[in-house]
Amino acid sequence: MGGRDVAVVFGGAGFIGRYVVKRLAAAGHIVRVAGRDPEKAGTLRPMGGVGQIVPLFAPLANPGAVARAVAEARIAVNCVGILAESRAGEFARVHAEGAATVAEAAAAAGVGRLVHLSAIGADAASPSLYAQSKAAGEARVRAAFPAATILRPSVVFGPEDNFFNRFGAMAEYLPVMPVLSGASRFQPVYVSDVADAVLAALGRADAAGVTYELGGPEVRTFRDLLAYILKETHRHRPLVAIPPGLAALQARVLERLPGKLLTTDQLKLLARDNVADPAMPGLTALGIVPTPIDLVVPAYLARFRPGGGRRELLLA
């Protein structure tokens, strides 16, 4: 394959990135998996043929390494994102400055197509630093690479997700299920559909310069989703609404602990709906039929059932 067949995926070893890498390899591209941990990216090699998937050390904080990663590439995809800061200012460094570094390097290298993964709720006026940084990243990508396609998914679900799995684990160990901002609405979208959207956007001329909001076929409140998790994990736990003041106090404690189970910034995100704007193009505009959670989530929540779901397997 020649240089024109090279695709670069920043954050390709992450949750969404792995699915994107697999699809690009299946489409015949040489795929450079760029990020901070080439060893982790190396586990993706079996997704392609010999030499087809190439791990690269290219953290977004290193403009020279990013420039080398996109050299002679035809396609670039930025899947890098974090849900919590390990240090103050990290949202801005990753979501805004890092996104700009990728877009500027891609433009300078003559990359043909760029897809940037953002998030529903990206808003410069949001009280959440996460949402502010996502909006800043979009603006800087647009300034550097106007033809970039921006994808904003809602909460992304799949076997390795950090949403259903997190609350499934909580249902397994906690005597009650705490409910924070239970009336907030979400539109969970399947990770495979998001990856398909990336590939569809790369292959469509009319997707250049367009922003898409990606949501699944169902809108559910946060309380409804927690009740669904309890049902699928066969756990009988009362749903207990946590007052905002107590939730804020808990978040201040938990965000200091390893793993950051809950942060103050995440509380601010939970307080707002996370639903695709019907006035904006979404999955169907890219020719993708959204996958309902019932087709995917129960299978991987089974491990949180009593006995790890083994009893159901024995009776099946």
C-alpha atoms as a PDB file:
ATOM      1  CA  MET A   1       0.000   0.000   0.000  1.00  0.00           C
ATOM      2  CA  GLY A   2       1.180   3.512  -0.743  1.00  0.00           C
ATOM      3  CA  GLY A   3       1.242   6.552   1.494  1.00  0.00           C
ATOM      4  CA  ARG A   4      -2.202   7.599   0.286  1.00  0.00           C
ATOM      5  CA  ASP A   5      -3.651   4.559   2.078  1.00  0.00           C
ATOM      6  CA  VAL A   6      -2.297   5.515   5.501  1.00  0.00           C
ATOM      7  CA  ALA A   7      -4.767   6.396   8.246  1.00  0.00           C
ATOM      8  CA  VAL A   8      -3.731   7.790  11.630  1.00  0.00           C
ATOM      9  CA  VAL A   9      -5.874   7.284  14.721  1.00  0.00           C
ATOM     10  CA  PHE A  10      -4.921   9.364  17.744  1.00  0.00           C
ATOM     11  CA  GLY A  11      -6.142   7.611  20.863  1.00  0.00           C
ATOM     12  CA  GLY A  12      -6.553   4.443  18.822  1.00  0.00           C
ATOM     13  CA  ALA A  13      -5.866   2.209  21.821  1.00  0.00           C
ATOM     14  CA  GLY A  14      -8.783   3.718  23.750  1.00  0.00           C
ATOM     15  CA  PHE A  15     -12.392   2.562  24.041  1.00  0.00           C
ATOM     16  CA  ILE A  16     -13.757   4.114  20.832  1.00  0.00           C
ATOM     17  CA  GLY A  17     -10.398   4.178  19.051  1.00  0.00           C
ATOM     18  CA  ARG A  18     -10.037   0.387  19.045  1.00  0.00           C
ATOM     19  CA  TYR A  19     -13.270   0.017  17.097  1.00  0.00           C
ATOM     20  CA  VAL A  20     -12.184   2.690  14.621  1.00  0.00           C
ATOM     21  CA  VAL A  21      -8.797   1.008  14.099  1.00  0.00           C
ATOM     22  CA  LYS A  22     -10.469  -2.344  13.422  1.00  0.00           C
ATOM     23  CA  ARG A  23     -12.732  -0.852  10.764  1.00  0.00           C
ATOM     24  CA  LEU A  24      -9.966   1.090   9.050  1.00  0.00           C
ATOM     25  CA  ALA A  25      -7.823  -2.048   8.904  1.00  0.00           C
ATOM     26  CA  ALA A  26     -10.738  -4.037   7.465  1.00  0.00           C
ATOM     27  CA  ALA A  27     -11.118  -1.319   4.816  1.00  0.00           C
ATOM     28  CA  GLY A  28      -7.508  -1.934   3.740  1.00  0.00           C
ATOM     29  CA  HIS A  29      -5.679   1.034   5.262  1.00  0.00           C
ATOM     30  CA  ILE A  30      -2.308   0.964   6.911  1.00  0.00           C
ATOM     31  CA  VAL A  31      -3.274   2.233  10.354  1.00  0.00           C
ATOM     32  CA  ARG A  32      -0.927   4.207  12.567  1.00  0.00           C
ATOM     33  CA  VAL A  33      -2.146   4.018  16.159  1.00  0.00           C
ATOM     34  CA  ALA A  34      -0.762   7.180  17.705  1.00  0.00           C
ATOM     35  CA  GLY A  35      -0.692   7.828  21.431  1.00  0.00           C
ATOM     36  CA  ARG A  36       1.265   7.877  24.671  1.00  0.00           C
ATOM     37  CA  ASP A  37       1.530   4.093  25.043  1.00  0.00           C
ATOM     38  CA  PRO A  38       2.757   2.200  21.955  1.00  0.00           C
ATOM     39  CA  GLU A  39       2.892  -1.023  23.969  1.00  0.00           C
ATOM     40  CA  LYS A  40      -0.842  -0.828  24.649  1.00  0.00           C
ATOM     41  CA  ALA A  41      -1.451   0.008  20.991  1.00  0.00           C
ATOM     42  CA  GLY A  42       0.615  -3.035  20.027  1.00  0.00           C
ATOM     43  CA  THR A  43      -2.167  -5.304  21.308  1.00  0.00           C
ATOM     44  CA  LEU A  44      -4.242  -4.140  18.308  1.00  0.00           C
ATOM     45  CA  ARG A  45      -1.876  -5.673  15.738  1.00  0.00           C
ATOM     46  CA  PRO A  46      -3.971  -8.863  15.335  1.00  0.00           C
ATOM     47  CA  MET A  47      -6.795  -6.695  13.970  1.00  0.00           C
ATOM     48  CA  GLY A  48      -4.890  -6.362  10.694  1.00  0.00           C
ATOM     49  CA  GLY A  49      -2.408  -8.149   8.498  1.00  0.00           C
ATOM     50  CA  VAL A  50       1.332  -8.279   9.066  1.00  0.00           C
ATOM     51  CA  GLY A  51       2.660  -4.731   9.338  1.00  0.00           C
ATOM     52  CA  GLN A  52      -0.760  -3.183   8.718  1.00  0.00           C
ATOM     53  CA  ILE A  53      -1.267  -1.739  12.209  1.00  0.00           C
ATOM     54  CA  VAL A  54       1.654   0.409  13.360  1.00  0.00           C
ATOM     55  CA  PRO A  55       1.855   1.691  16.960  1.00  0.00           C
ATOM     56  CA  LEU A  56       3.501   5.110  17.266  1.00  0.00           C
ATOM     57  CA  PHE A  57       4.592   7.192  20.230  1.00  0.00           C
ATOM     58  CA  ALA A  58       2.830  10.470  19.515  1.00  0.00           C
ATOM     59  CA  PRO A  59       1.349  12.179  22.589  1.00  0.00           C
ATOM     60  CA  LEU A  60      -0.648  15.304  21.750  1.00  0.00           C
ATOM     61  CA  ALA A  61       1.665  17.366  23.949  1.00  0.00           C
ATOM     62  CA  ASN A  62       4.512  16.650  21.484  1.00  0.00           C
ATOM     63  CA  PRO A  63       3.826  18.595  18.245  1.00  0.00           C
ATOM     64  CA  GLY A  64       6.876  17.110  16.523  1.00  0.00           C
ATOM     65  CA  ALA A  65       5.719  13.548  17.166  1.00  0.00           C
ATOM     66  CA  VAL A  66       2.184  14.422  16.025  1.00  0.00           C
ATOM     67  CA  ALA A  67       3.580  15.904  12.814  1.00  0.00           C
ATOM     68  CA  ARG A  68       5.591  12.745  12.145  1.00  0.00           C
ATOM     69  CA  ALA A  69       2.499  10.617  12.789  1.00  0.00           C
ATOM     70  CA  VAL A  70       0.429  12.380  10.102  1.00  0.00           C
ATOM     71  CA  ALA A  71       3.226  12.642   7.512  1.00  0.00           C
ATOM     72  CA  GLU A  72       2.012  11.225   4.156  1.00  0.00           C
ATOM     73  CA  ALA A  73      -1.290  10.115   5.703  1.00  0.00           C
ATOM     74  CA  ARG A  74      -4.563  10.459   3.809  1.00  0.00           C
ATOM     75  CA  ILE A  75      -6.865  10.179   6.819  1.00  0.00           C
ATOM     76  CA  ALA A  76      -6.645  11.295  10.449  1.00  0.00           C
ATOM     77  CA  VAL A  77      -9.040  10.585  13.299  1.00  0.00           C
ATOM     78  CA  ASN A  78      -8.755  12.116  16.761  1.00  0.00           C
ATOM     79  CA  CYS A  79     -10.381   9.937  19.448  1.00  0.00           C
ATOM     80  CA  VAL A  80      -8.418  11.313  22.383  1.00  0.00           C
ATOM     81  CA  GLY A  81     -10.488  12.313  25.385  1.00  0.00           C
ATOM     82  CA  ILE A  82     -10.510  12.139  29.173  1.00  0.00           C
ATOM     83  CA  LEU A  83     -13.432  12.037  31.611  1.00  0.00           C
ATOM     84  CA  ALA A  84     -11.601  13.463  34.628  1.00  0.00           C
ATOM     85  CA  GLU A  85      -8.525  15.588  35.222  1.00  0.00           C
ATOM     86  CA  SER A  86      -5.512  14.161  36.980  1.00  0.00           C
ATOM     87  CA  ARG A  87      -4.066  17.678  37.154  1.00  0.00           C
ATOM     88  CA  ALA A  88      -5.679  21.104  36.936  1.00  0.00           C
ATOM     89  CA  GLY A  89      -5.967  22.320  33.347  1.00  0.00           C
ATOM     90  CA  GLU A  90      -5.776  18.847  31.815  1.00  0.00           C
ATOM     91  CA  PHE A  91      -9.148  19.151  30.060  1.00  0.00           C
ATOM     92  CA  ALA A  92      -7.898  22.221  28.192  1.00  0.00           C
ATOM     93  CA  ARG A  93      -4.540  20.626  27.389  1.00  0.00           C
ATOM     94  CA  VAL A  94      -6.102  17.455  25.976  1.00  0.00           C
ATOM     95  CA  HIS A  95      -9.422  18.553  24.467  1.00  0.00           C
ATOM     96  CA  ALA A  96      -8.469  22.023  23.202  1.00  0.00           C
ATOM     97  CA  GLU A  97      -4.693  22.318  22.798  1.00  0.00           C
ATOM     98  CA  GLY A  98      -4.253  18.669  21.824  1.00  0.00           C
ATOM     99  CA  ALA A  99      -7.094  18.827  19.310  1.00  0.00           C
ATOM    100  CA  ALA A 100      -5.544  21.945  17.781  1.00  0.00           C
ATOM    101  CA  THR A 101      -2.150  20.237  17.518  1.00  0.00           C
ATOM    102  CA  VAL A 102      -3.681  17.347  15.553  1.00  0.00           C
ATOM    103  CA  ALA A 103      -5.731  19.599  13.264  1.00  0.00           C
ATOM    104  CA  GLU A 104      -2.824  21.966  12.549  1.00  0.00           C
ATOM    105  CA  ALA A 105      -0.442  19.087  11.834  1.00  0.00           C
ATOM    106  CA  ALA A 106      -3.013  17.384   9.588  1.00  0.00           C
ATOM    107  CA  ALA A 107      -3.555  20.591   7.622  1.00  0.00           C
ATOM    108  CA  ALA A 108       0.185  21.220   7.256  1.00  0.00           C
ATOM    109  CA  ALA A 109       0.753  17.628   6.061  1.00  0.00           C
ATOM    110  CA  GLY A 110      -1.992  17.825   3.442  1.00  0.00           C
ATOM    111  CA  VAL A 111      -4.156  15.151   5.071  1.00  0.00           C
ATOM    112  CA  GLY A 112      -7.296  14.730   2.993  1.00  0.00           C
ATOM    113  CA  ARG A 113      -9.888  14.024   5.703  1.00  0.00           C
ATOM    114  CA  LEU A 114     -10.016  14.635   9.437  1.00  0.00           C
ATOM    115  CA  VAL A 115     -12.647  13.341  11.851  1.00  0.00           C
ATOM    116  CA  HIS A 116     -12.669  14.801  15.347  1.00  0.00           C
ATOM    117  CA  LEU A 117     -14.515  13.104  18.237  1.00  0.00           C
ATOM    118  CA  SER A 118     -16.149  15.627  20.551  1.00  0.00           C
ATOM    119  CA  ALA A 119     -19.224  15.161  22.763  1.00  0.00           C
ATOM    120  CA  ILE A 120     -22.856  16.201  23.036  1.00  0.00           C
ATOM    121  CA  GLY A 121     -22.975  19.076  25.481  1.00  0.00           C
ATOM    122  CA  ALA A 122     -19.839  20.780  24.161  1.00  0.00           C
ATOM    123  CA  ASP A 123     -20.575  24.380  25.132  1.00  0.00           C
ATOM    124  CA  ALA A 124     -18.314  27.310  25.910  1.00  0.00           C
ATOM    125  CA  ALA A 125     -20.961  28.607  28.349  1.00  0.00           C
ATOM    126  CA  SER A 126     -21.338  25.332  30.255  1.00  0.00           C
ATOM    127  CA  PRO A 127     -20.501  25.279  33.978  1.00  0.00           C
ATOM    128  CA  SER A 128     -18.531  22.076  33.287  1.00  0.00           C
ATOM    129  CA  LEU A 129     -14.845  22.426  32.417  1.00  0.00           C
ATOM    130  CA  TYR A 130     -15.135  19.201  30.394  1.00  0.00           C
ATOM    131  CA  ALA A 131     -17.882  20.686  28.206  1.00  0.00           C
ATOM    132  CA  GLN A 132     -16.048  24.015  27.899  1.00  0.00           C
ATOM    133  CA  SER A 133     -12.863  22.284  26.772  1.00  0.00           C
ATOM    134  CA  LYS A 134     -14.763  20.188  24.215  1.00  0.00           C
ATOM    135  CA  ALA A 135     -16.254  23.365  22.731  1.00  0.00           C
ATOM    136  CA  ALA A 136     -12.838  25.031  22.657  1.00  0.00           C
ATOM    137  CA  GLY A 137     -11.413  21.986  20.891  1.00  0.00           C
ATOM    138  CA  GLU A 138     -14.110  22.092  18.222  1.00  0.00           C
ATOM    139  CA  ALA A 139     -13.446  25.791  17.590  1.00  0.00           C
ATOM    140  CA  ARG A 140      -9.710  25.242  17.226  1.00  0.00           C
ATOM    141  CA  VAL A 141     -10.201  22.247  14.925  1.00  0.00           C
ATOM    142  CA  ARG A 142     -12.531  24.281  12.714  1.00  0.00           C
ATOM    143  CA  ALA A 143     -10.018  27.162  12.601  1.00  0.00           C
ATOM    144  CA  ALA A 144      -7.119  24.907  11.588  1.00  0.00           C
ATOM    145  CA  PHE A 145      -8.972  22.398   9.381  1.00  0.00           C
ATOM    146  CA  PRO A 146     -12.341  23.823   8.223  1.00  0.00           C
ATOM    147  CA  ALA A 147     -13.285  20.638   6.332  1.00  0.00           C
ATOM    148  CA  ALA A 148     -13.001  18.455   9.443  1.00  0.00           C
ATOM    149  CA  THR A 149     -16.029  16.362  10.371  1.00  0.00           C
ATOM    150  CA  ILE A 150     -16.951  16.663  14.044  1.00  0.00           C
ATOM    151  CA  LEU A 151     -18.863  13.857  15.744  1.00  0.00           C
ATOM    152  CA  ARG A 152     -20.557  14.483  19.081  1.00  0.00           C
ATOM    153  CA  PRO A 153     -21.726  11.214  20.681  1.00  0.00           C
ATOM    154  CA  SER A 154     -23.938  10.965  23.739  1.00  0.00           C
ATOM    155  CA  VAL A 155     -22.899   8.467  26.439  1.00  0.00           C
ATOM    156  CA  VAL A 156     -21.160   5.653  24.535  1.00  0.00           C
ATOM    157  CA  PHE A 157     -21.912   2.079  25.561  1.00  0.00           C
ATOM    158  CA  GLY A 158     -20.205  -1.204  24.754  1.00  0.00           C
ATOM    159  CA  PRO A 159     -18.506  -4.110  26.560  1.00  0.00           C
ATOM    160  CA  GLU A 160     -15.604  -1.938  27.761  1.00  0.00           C
ATOM    161  CA  ASP A 161     -17.620   1.192  28.593  1.00  0.00           C
ATOM    162  CA  ASN A 162     -17.253   3.342  31.688  1.00  0.00           C
ATOM    163  CA  PHE A 163     -20.976   3.883  32.181  1.00  0.00           C
ATOM    164  CA  PHE A 164     -23.002   0.679  32.405  1.00  0.00           C
ATOM    165  CA  ASN A 165     -19.991  -1.201  33.784  1.00  0.00           C
ATOM    166  CA  ARG A 166     -19.371   1.396  36.482  1.00  0.00           C
ATOM    167  CA  PHE A 167     -22.943   1.341  37.747  1.00  0.00           C
ATOM    168  CA  GLY A 168     -23.155  -2.427  37.314  1.00  0.00           C
ATOM    169  CA  ALA A 169     -20.227  -2.735  39.723  1.00  0.00           C
ATOM    170  CA  MET A 170     -21.917  -0.323  42.122  1.00  0.00           C
ATOM    171  CA  ALA A 171     -25.096  -2.414  41.996  1.00  0.00           C
ATOM    172  CA  GLU A 172     -23.043  -5.463  42.909  1.00  0.00           C
ATOM    173  CA  TYR A 173     -21.436  -3.986  46.030  1.00  0.00           C
ATOM    174  CA  LEU A 174     -23.567  -1.111  47.366  1.00  0.00           C
ATOM    175  CA  PRO A 175     -26.655  -1.682  49.526  1.00  0.00           C
ATOM    176  CA  VAL A 176     -28.475   1.144  47.708  1.00  0.00           C
ATOM    177  CA  MET A 177     -28.165   2.737  44.272  1.00  0.00           C
ATOM    178  CA  PRO A 178     -27.525   6.485  44.663  1.00  0.00           C
ATOM    179  CA  VAL A 179     -29.351   8.688  42.155  1.00  0.00           C
ATOM    180  CA  LEU A 180     -27.795  12.011  41.160  1.00  0.00           C
ATOM    181  CA  SER A 181     -29.836  14.320  38.881  1.00  0.00           C
ATOM    182  CA  GLY A 182     -32.214  11.468  38.174  1.00  0.00           C
ATOM    183  CA  ALA A 183     -34.397  13.479  35.778  1.00  0.00           C
ATOM    184  CA  SER A 184     -31.521  14.273  33.390  1.00  0.00           C
ATOM    185  CA  ARG A 185     -31.989  12.598  30.007  1.00  0.00           C
ATOM    186  CA  PHE A 186     -29.443  10.523  28.104  1.00  0.00           C
ATOM    187  CA  GLN A 187     -29.405   8.947  24.645  1.00  0.00           C
ATOM    188  CA  PRO A 188     -26.828   6.123  24.893  1.00  0.00           C
ATOM    189  CA  VAL A 189     -25.128   5.288  21.594  1.00  0.00           C
ATOM    190  CA  TYR A 190     -23.407   2.004  20.749  1.00  0.00           C
ATOM    191  CA  VAL A 191     -19.632   2.200  20.294  1.00  0.00           C
ATOM    192  CA  SER A 192     -19.836   0.176  17.054  1.00  0.00           C
ATOM    193  CA  ASP A 193     -22.291   2.727  15.653  1.00  0.00           C
ATOM    194  CA  VAL A 194     -19.895   5.551  16.547  1.00  0.00           C
ATOM    195  CA  ALA A 195     -17.037   3.741  14.788  1.00  0.00           C
ATOM    196  CA  ASP A 196     -19.267   3.137  11.771  1.00  0.00           C
ATOM    197  CA  ALA A 197     -20.066   6.859  11.795  1.00  0.00           C
ATOM    198  CA  VAL A 198     -16.350   7.668  11.629  1.00  0.00           C
ATOM    199  CA  LEU A 199     -15.909   5.442   8.584  1.00  0.00           C
ATOM    200  CA  ALA A 200     -19.064   6.760   6.935  1.00  0.00           C
ATOM    201  CA  ALA A 201     -17.963  10.369   7.462  1.00  0.00           C
ATOM    202  CA  LEU A 202     -14.538   9.631   5.968  1.00  0.00           C
ATOM    203  CA  GLY A 203     -16.162   8.180   2.864  1.00  0.00           C
ATOM    204  CA  ARG A 204     -18.699  10.929   2.188  1.00  0.00           C
ATOM    205  CA  ALA A 205     -17.829  14.218   0.514  1.00  0.00           C
ATOM    206  CA  ASP A 206     -20.947  15.831   1.984  1.00  0.00           C
ATOM    207  CA  ALA A 207     -19.712  15.129   5.529  1.00  0.00           C
ATOM    208  CA  ALA A 208     -16.749  17.500   5.182  1.00  0.00           C
ATOM    209  CA  GLY A 209     -17.144  20.492   7.475  1.00  0.00           C
ATOM    210  CA  VAL A 210     -20.290  19.087   9.112  1.00  0.00           C
ATOM    211  CA  THR A 211     -20.991  18.478  12.810  1.00  0.00           C
ATOM    212  CA  TYR A 212     -23.090  15.425  13.707  1.00  0.00           C
ATOM    213  CA  GLU A 213     -24.729  14.610  17.038  1.00  0.00           C
ATOM    214  CA  LEU A 214     -24.870  10.870  17.639  1.00  0.00           C
ATOM    215  CA  GLY A 215     -27.481   9.293  19.865  1.00  0.00           C
ATOM    216  CA  GLY A 216     -29.082   5.885  20.117  1.00  0.00           C
ATOM    217  CA  PRO A 217     -32.737   5.090  19.386  1.00  0.00           C
ATOM    218  CA  GLU A 218     -33.896   5.643  22.993  1.00  0.00           C
ATOM    219  CA  VAL A 219     -33.909   8.610  25.348  1.00  0.00           C
ATOM    220  CA  ARG A 220     -34.000   7.621  29.016  1.00  0.00           C
ATOM    221  CA  THR A 221     -33.624   9.487  32.278  1.00  0.00           C
ATOM    222  CA  PHE A 222     -30.638   8.753  34.458  1.00  0.00           C
ATOM    223  CA  ARG A 223     -32.975   7.199  37.030  1.00  0.00           C
ATOM    224  CA  ASP A 224     -34.485   4.933  34.357  1.00  0.00           C
ATOM    225  CA  LEU A 225     -31.013   3.801  33.284  1.00  0.00           C
ATOM    226  CA  LEU A 226     -30.059   2.948  36.853  1.00  0.00           C
ATOM    227  CA  ALA A 227     -33.290   0.968  37.244  1.00  0.00           C
ATOM    228  CA  TYR A 228     -32.466  -0.832  33.998  1.00  0.00           C
ATOM    229  CA  ILE A 229     -29.003  -1.743  35.308  1.00  0.00           C
ATOM    230  CA  LEU A 230     -30.499  -3.116  38.511  1.00  0.00           C
ATOM    231  CA  LYS A 231     -32.957  -5.213  36.510  1.00  0.00           C
ATOM    232  CA  GLU A 232     -30.280  -6.628  34.205  1.00  0.00           C
ATOM    233  CA  THR A 233     -27.895  -7.394  37.068  1.00  0.00           C
ATOM    234  CA  HIS A 234     -30.691  -9.035  39.096  1.00  0.00           C
ATOM    235  CA  ARG A 235     -29.880  -6.769  42.024  1.00  0.00           C
ATOM    236  CA  HIS A 236     -32.648  -5.541  44.309  1.00  0.00           C
ATOM    237  CA  ARG A 237     -31.377  -2.207  45.507  1.00  0.00           C
ATOM    238  CA  PRO A 238     -33.476   0.818  46.448  1.00  0.00           C
ATOM    239  CA  LEU A 239     -32.933   3.872  44.269  1.00  0.00           C
ATOM    240  CA  VAL A 240     -32.089   6.696  46.665  1.00  0.00           C
ATOM    241  CA  ALA A 241     -32.099  10.299  45.467  1.00  0.00           C
ATOM    242  CA  ILE A 242     -29.063  12.185  46.775  1.00  0.00           C
ATOM    243  CA  PRO A 243     -29.668  15.884  47.596  1.00  0.00           C
ATOM    244  CA  PRO A 244     -27.447  18.250  45.554  1.00  0.00           C
ATOM    245  CA  GLY A 245     -25.558  19.510  48.610  1.00  0.00           C
ATOM    246  CA  LEU A 246     -24.692  16.010  49.800  1.00  0.00           C
ATOM    247  CA  ALA A 247     -23.781  14.942  46.251  1.00  0.00           C
ATOM    248  CA  ALA A 248     -21.372  17.884  45.956  1.00  0.00           C
ATOM    249  CA  LEU A 249     -19.754  16.931  49.270  1.00  0.00           C
ATOM    250  CA  GLN A 250     -19.371  13.302  48.156  1.00  0.00           C
ATOM    251  CA  ALA A 251     -17.872  14.393  44.846  1.00  0.00           C
ATOM    252  CA  ARG A 252     -15.265  16.536  46.602  1.00  0.00           C
ATOM    253  CA  VAL A 253     -14.221  13.497  48.625  1.00  0.00           C
ATOM    254  CA  LEU A 254     -14.354  10.923  45.806  1.00  0.00           C
ATOM    255  CA  GLU A 255     -12.417  13.029  43.292  1.00  0.00           C
ATOM    256  CA  ARG A 256      -9.422  12.907  45.639  1.00  0.00           C
ATOM    257  CA  LEU A 257      -9.377   9.110  45.612  1.00  0.00           C
ATOM    258  CA  PRO A 258      -7.694   6.883  42.987  1.00  0.00           C
ATOM    259  CA  GLY A 259     -10.038   6.076  40.111  1.00  0.00           C
ATOM    260  CA  LYS A 260     -12.112   9.253  40.600  1.00  0.00           C
ATOM    261  CA  LEU A 261     -15.462   7.471  40.889  1.00  0.00           C
ATOM    262  CA  LEU A 262     -17.207  10.857  40.859  1.00  0.00           C
ATOM    263  CA  THR A 263     -15.948  14.410  40.392  1.00  0.00           C
ATOM    264  CA  THR A 264     -17.466  17.831  40.914  1.00  0.00           C
ATOM    265  CA  ASP A 265     -17.226  18.486  37.193  1.00  0.00           C
ATOM    266  CA  GLN A 266     -19.081  15.251  36.395  1.00  0.00           C
ATOM    267  CA  LEU A 267     -21.882  16.363  38.722  1.00  0.00           C
ATOM    268  CA  LYS A 268     -22.269  19.485  36.602  1.00  0.00           C
ATOM    269  CA  LEU A 269     -22.493  17.322  33.468  1.00  0.00           C
ATOM    270  CA  LEU A 270     -25.078  15.028  35.050  1.00  0.00           C
ATOM    271  CA  ALA A 271     -27.288  18.006  35.791  1.00  0.00           C
ATOM    272  CA  ARG A 272     -27.818  18.651  32.070  1.00  0.00           C
ATOM    273  CA  ASP A 273     -29.540  16.560  29.408  1.00  0.00           C
ATOM    274  CA  ASN A 274     -27.225  14.639  27.089  1.00  0.00           C
ATOM    275  CA  VAL A 275     -29.498  14.204  24.079  1.00  0.00           C
ATOM    276  CA  ALA A 276     -28.856  14.763  20.366  1.00  0.00           C
ATOM    277  CA  ASP A 277     -30.361  17.911  18.886  1.00  0.00           C
ATOM    278  CA  PRO A 278     -33.029  16.742  16.384  1.00  0.00           C
ATOM    279  CA  ALA A 279     -32.209  19.759  14.239  1.00  0.00           C
ATOM    280  CA  MET A 280     -28.686  18.461  13.663  1.00  0.00           C
ATOM    281  CA  PRO A 281     -27.690  15.505  11.455  1.00  0.00           C
ATOM    282  CA  GLY A 282     -27.029  12.245  13.267  1.00  0.00           C
ATOM    283  CA  LEU A 283     -26.482   8.544  12.658  1.00  0.00           C
ATOM    284  CA  THR A 284     -29.325   8.177  10.169  1.00  0.00           C
ATOM    285  CA  ALA A 285     -27.856  10.987   8.048  1.00  0.00           C
ATOM    286  CA  LEU A 286     -24.743   8.810   7.771  1.00  0.00           C
ATOM    287  CA  GLY A 287     -26.784   5.768   6.777  1.00  0.00           C
ATOM    288  CA  ILE A 288     -26.515   4.040  10.167  1.00  0.00           C
ATOM    289  CA  VAL A 289     -29.436   2.448  12.023  1.00  0.00           C
ATOM    290  CA  PRO A 290     -28.889   3.111  15.769  1.00  0.00           C
ATOM    291  CA  THR A 291     -28.543   0.031  17.982  1.00  0.00           C
ATOM    292  CA  PRO A 292     -30.783  -0.211  21.076  1.00  0.00           C
ATOM    293  CA  ILE A 293     -29.180  -0.962  24.419  1.00  0.00           C
ATOM    294  CA  ASP A 294     -31.275  -4.132  24.829  1.00  0.00           C
ATOM    295  CA  LEU A 295     -29.340  -5.809  22.021  1.00  0.00           C
ATOM    296  CA  VAL A 296     -25.943  -5.292  23.647  1.00  0.00           C
ATOM    297  CA  VAL A 297     -25.894  -4.242  27.279  1.00  0.00           C
ATOM    298  CA  PRO A 298     -27.511  -7.268  29.013  1.00  0.00           C
ATOM    299  CA  ALA A 299     -24.773  -9.589  27.729  1.00  0.00           C
ATOM    300  CA  TYR A 300     -21.955  -7.714  29.429  1.00  0.00           C
ATOM    301  CA  LEU A 301     -23.892  -6.710  32.533  1.00  0.00           C
ATOM    302  CA  ALA A 302     -24.440 -10.427  33.230  1.00  0.00           C
ATOM    303  CA  ARG A 303     -21.076 -10.633  34.980  1.00  0.00           C
ATOM    304  CA  PHE A 304     -22.440  -8.387  37.741  1.00  0.00           C
ATOM    305  CA  ARG A 305     -25.318 -10.768  38.514  1.00  0.00           C
ATOM    306  CA  PRO A 306     -25.179 -13.027  41.571  1.00  0.00           C
ATOM    307  CA  GLY A 307     -22.696 -15.755  40.745  1.00  0.00           C
ATOM    308  CA  GLY A 308     -21.343 -13.747  37.843  1.00  0.00           C
ATOM    309  CA  GLY A 309     -24.224 -14.870  35.622  1.00  0.00           C
ATOM    310  CA  ARG A 310     -22.993 -18.469  35.688  1.00  0.00           C
ATOM    311  CA  ARG A 311     -26.280 -19.770  37.055  1.00  0.00           C
ATOM    312  CA  GLU A 312     -28.130 -18.467  33.990  1.00  0.00           C
ATOM    313  CA  LEU A 313     -25.588 -20.142  31.719  1.00  0.00           C
ATOM    314  CA  LEU A 314     -26.043 -23.475  33.516  1.00  0.00           C
ATOM    315  CA  LEU A 315     -29.807 -23.265  33.192  1.00  0.00           C
ATOM    316  CA  ALA A 316     -29.748 -22.195  29.544  1.00  0.00           C
END
